[in-house]
Structures are given as structure tokens and as C-alpha cells.
Amino acid sequence: MSRFSLRLHYRAGRAPTDEPLDAIDEVEARELARMRLLLTRDYDRIELRRDGAALDDYRRDSV
């Protein structure tokens, strides 16, 4: 499995948190990142990263 991480950006003033993410490949990692954002209201943005480099950025709709 490839090792990825999620940088979780909170809605309310807390510093971002990095969370490890195990995925088979980049496609699965992207899907898991989108699901993580949808499953909680605590975050307004999630960055998908691999080896410290940003791969993608997911933002919650403002509506």
C-alpha cells in the first residue's frame, strides 16, 4: 500500500492536523479524502498529500 496523508483544516480556528492514510493507489486515496470531508462537519478543507507534497485540495461547499 502507498502511504498518503490528509491535512485536515478545521472550520474554527484550530491549527491543521495531519492524519495518515493508507491507500492502494492515488485513485483510492483521492476517493478516501473526499469521503473524509463528507463524513464530518469539523473541516472546511482537506489536502491530500504524499511524501509531504500536496496532490489535491478538497473544499466543502459553502451552502
N, C-alpha and C. Protein backbone atom coordinates (compact mmCIF):
# COMPACT_ATOMS: atom_id res chain seq x y z
N MET A 1 0.83 -1.19 0.00
CA MET A 1 0.00 0.00 0.00
C MET A 1 0.87 1.25 0.00
N SER A 2 0.42 2.24 -0.73
CA SER A 2 1.12 3.53 -0.73
C SER A 2 0.72 4.31 0.51
N ARG A 3 1.62 5.10 1.00
CA ARG A 3 1.36 5.90 2.20
C ARG A 3 1.04 7.34 1.79
N PHE A 4 -0.12 7.79 2.20
CA PHE A 4 -0.57 9.15 1.94
C PHE A 4 -0.89 9.79 3.28
N SER A 5 -1.19 11.07 3.25
CA SER A 5 -1.67 11.73 4.46
C SER A 5 -2.71 12.76 4.08
N LEU A 6 -3.54 13.08 5.05
CA LEU A 6 -4.56 14.12 4.90
C LEU A 6 -4.20 15.25 5.84
N ARG A 7 -4.20 16.47 5.34
CA ARG A 7 -4.06 17.64 6.20
C ARG A 7 -5.47 18.20 6.38
N LEU A 8 -5.97 18.08 7.60
CA LEU A 8 -7.35 18.46 7.93
C LEU A 8 -7.38 19.89 8.43
N HIS A 9 -8.10 20.74 7.72
CA HIS A 9 -8.23 22.15 8.08
C HIS A 9 -9.57 22.35 8.77
N TYR A 10 -9.53 22.71 10.04
CA TYR A 10 -10.75 22.87 10.84
C TYR A 10 -11.48 24.15 10.46
N ARG A 11 -12.78 24.13 10.65
CA ARG A 11 -13.61 25.32 10.40
C ARG A 11 -13.31 26.43 11.40
N ALA A 12 -13.09 26.06 12.64
CA ALA A 12 -12.99 27.06 13.71
C ALA A 12 -11.59 27.15 14.29
N GLY A 13 -10.79 28.02 13.77
CA GLY A 13 -9.55 28.49 14.33
C GLY A 13 -8.47 27.55 14.84
N ARG A 14 -8.63 26.26 14.74
CA ARG A 14 -7.57 25.35 15.19
C ARG A 14 -6.54 25.17 14.08
N ALA A 15 -5.33 24.85 14.48
CA ALA A 15 -4.27 24.58 13.50
C ALA A 15 -4.59 23.28 12.76
N PRO A 16 -4.21 23.19 11.48
CA PRO A 16 -4.45 21.95 10.72
C PRO A 16 -3.78 20.75 11.38
N THR A 17 -4.37 19.59 11.18
CA THR A 17 -3.87 18.33 11.72
C THR A 17 -3.54 17.40 10.56
N ASP A 18 -2.41 16.71 10.65
CA ASP A 18 -2.05 15.70 9.65
C ASP A 18 -2.48 14.33 10.16
N GLU A 19 -3.10 13.56 9.25
CA GLU A 19 -3.61 12.24 9.58
C GLU A 19 -3.11 11.24 8.52
N PRO A 20 -2.48 10.14 8.93
CA PRO A 20 -2.01 9.17 7.94
C PRO A 20 -3.18 8.52 7.20
N LEU A 21 -2.92 8.13 5.96
CA LEU A 21 -3.94 7.49 5.14
C LEU A 21 -3.28 6.39 4.32
N ASP A 22 -3.73 5.17 4.52
CA ASP A 22 -3.23 4.05 3.71
C ASP A 22 -4.21 3.81 2.57
N ALA A 23 -3.67 3.76 1.36
CA ALA A 23 -4.48 3.50 0.18
C ALA A 23 -3.67 2.68 -0.81
N ILE A 24 -4.35 1.92 -1.62
CA ILE A 24 -3.69 1.07 -2.60
C ILE A 24 -2.99 1.90 -3.66
N ASP A 25 -3.65 3.00 -4.07
CA ASP A 25 -3.08 3.86 -5.10
C ASP A 25 -3.66 5.27 -4.95
N GLU A 26 -3.27 6.15 -5.85
CA GLU A 26 -3.70 7.54 -5.78
C GLU A 26 -5.21 7.68 -6.01
N VAL A 27 -5.77 6.86 -6.85
CA VAL A 27 -7.21 6.91 -7.11
C VAL A 27 -7.99 6.62 -5.83
N GLU A 28 -7.60 5.58 -5.12
CA GLU A 28 -8.27 5.25 -3.86
C GLU A 28 -8.03 6.35 -2.82
N ALA A 29 -6.85 6.90 -2.77
CA ALA A 29 -6.54 7.97 -1.81
C ALA A 29 -7.42 9.19 -2.05
N ARG A 30 -7.62 9.54 -3.30
CA ARG A 30 -8.48 10.69 -3.63
C ARG A 30 -9.93 10.42 -3.18
N GLU A 31 -10.42 9.23 -3.42
CA GLU A 31 -11.79 8.89 -3.01
C GLU A 31 -11.93 8.92 -1.49
N LEU A 32 -10.95 8.39 -0.78
CA LEU A 32 -11.00 8.40 0.68
C LEU A 32 -10.92 9.81 1.24
N ALA A 33 -10.16 10.68 0.60
CA ALA A 33 -10.08 12.08 1.04
C ALA A 33 -11.43 12.77 0.88
N ARG A 34 -12.08 12.56 -0.26
CA ARG A 34 -13.41 13.16 -0.47
C ARG A 34 -14.42 12.63 0.55
N MET A 35 -14.37 11.33 0.81
CA MET A 35 -15.29 10.74 1.79
C MET A 35 -15.05 11.30 3.19
N ARG A 36 -13.79 11.48 3.54
CA ARG A 36 -13.44 12.02 4.87
C ARG A 36 -14.05 13.41 5.06
N LEU A 37 -14.00 14.23 4.02
CA LEU A 37 -14.58 15.57 4.09
C LEU A 37 -16.10 15.49 4.24
N LEU A 38 -16.73 14.58 3.54
CA LEU A 38 -18.19 14.47 3.59
C LEU A 38 -18.71 13.89 4.91
N LEU A 39 -17.88 13.10 5.60
CA LEU A 39 -18.34 12.40 6.79
C LEU A 39 -18.29 13.22 8.08
N THR A 40 -17.72 14.39 8.03
CA THR A 40 -17.69 15.24 9.23
C THR A 40 -17.87 16.69 8.84
N ARG A 41 -18.43 17.45 9.76
CA ARG A 41 -18.60 18.88 9.54
C ARG A 41 -17.50 19.70 10.20
N ASP A 42 -16.55 19.03 10.84
CA ASP A 42 -15.48 19.73 11.56
C ASP A 42 -14.50 20.44 10.65
N TYR A 43 -14.39 19.98 9.41
CA TYR A 43 -13.37 20.51 8.49
C TYR A 43 -14.02 21.25 7.34
N ASP A 44 -13.36 22.32 6.89
CA ASP A 44 -13.85 23.00 5.69
C ASP A 44 -12.96 22.71 4.49
N ARG A 45 -11.80 22.08 4.75
CA ARG A 45 -10.88 21.77 3.66
C ARG A 45 -9.98 20.61 4.06
N ILE A 46 -9.66 19.76 3.08
CA ILE A 46 -8.75 18.64 3.31
C ILE A 46 -7.76 18.61 2.15
N GLU A 47 -6.49 18.54 2.48
CA GLU A 47 -5.44 18.39 1.48
C GLU A 47 -4.99 16.93 1.46
N LEU A 48 -4.92 16.36 0.28
CA LEU A 48 -4.35 15.03 0.11
C LEU A 48 -2.87 15.20 -0.20
N ARG A 49 -2.00 14.50 0.55
CA ARG A 49 -0.56 14.65 0.40
C ARG A 49 0.11 13.29 0.28
N ARG A 50 1.25 13.29 -0.40
CA ARG A 50 2.10 12.09 -0.44
C ARG A 50 3.55 12.57 -0.33
N ASP A 51 4.27 12.01 0.63
CA ASP A 51 5.66 12.40 0.87
C ASP A 51 5.81 13.90 1.09
N GLY A 52 4.83 14.50 1.76
CA GLY A 52 4.88 15.92 2.09
C GLY A 52 4.45 16.87 0.99
N ALA A 53 4.19 16.35 -0.19
CA ALA A 53 3.78 17.19 -1.32
C ALA A 53 2.27 17.10 -1.52
N ALA A 54 1.64 18.24 -1.75
CA ALA A 54 0.19 18.27 -1.97
C ALA A 54 -0.16 17.66 -3.32
N LEU A 55 -1.15 16.76 -3.31
CA LEU A 55 -1.66 16.16 -4.55
C LEU A 55 -2.96 16.80 -4.99
N ASP A 56 -3.81 17.10 -4.01
CA ASP A 56 -5.12 17.65 -4.32
C ASP A 56 -5.66 18.37 -3.09
N ASP A 57 -6.65 19.19 -3.32
CA ASP A 57 -7.24 20.01 -2.26
C ASP A 57 -8.76 19.94 -2.40
N TYR A 58 -9.44 19.52 -1.35
CA TYR A 58 -10.90 19.39 -1.37
C TYR A 58 -11.50 20.39 -0.40
N ARG A 59 -12.50 21.12 -0.87
CA ARG A 59 -13.15 22.14 -0.04
C ARG A 59 -14.63 21.85 0.06
N ARG A 60 -15.14 22.15 1.24
CA ARG A 60 -16.58 21.99 1.48
C ARG A 60 -17.33 23.12 0.78
N ASP A 61 -18.45 22.79 0.16
CA ASP A 61 -19.31 23.82 -0.43
C ASP A 61 -19.82 24.72 0.68
N SER A 62 -19.97 25.99 0.38
CA SER A 62 -20.41 26.95 1.41
C SER A 62 -21.90 26.84 1.68
N VAL A 63 -22.63 26.15 0.86
CA VAL A 63 -24.08 26.03 1.04
C VAL A 63 -24.41 24.96 2.03
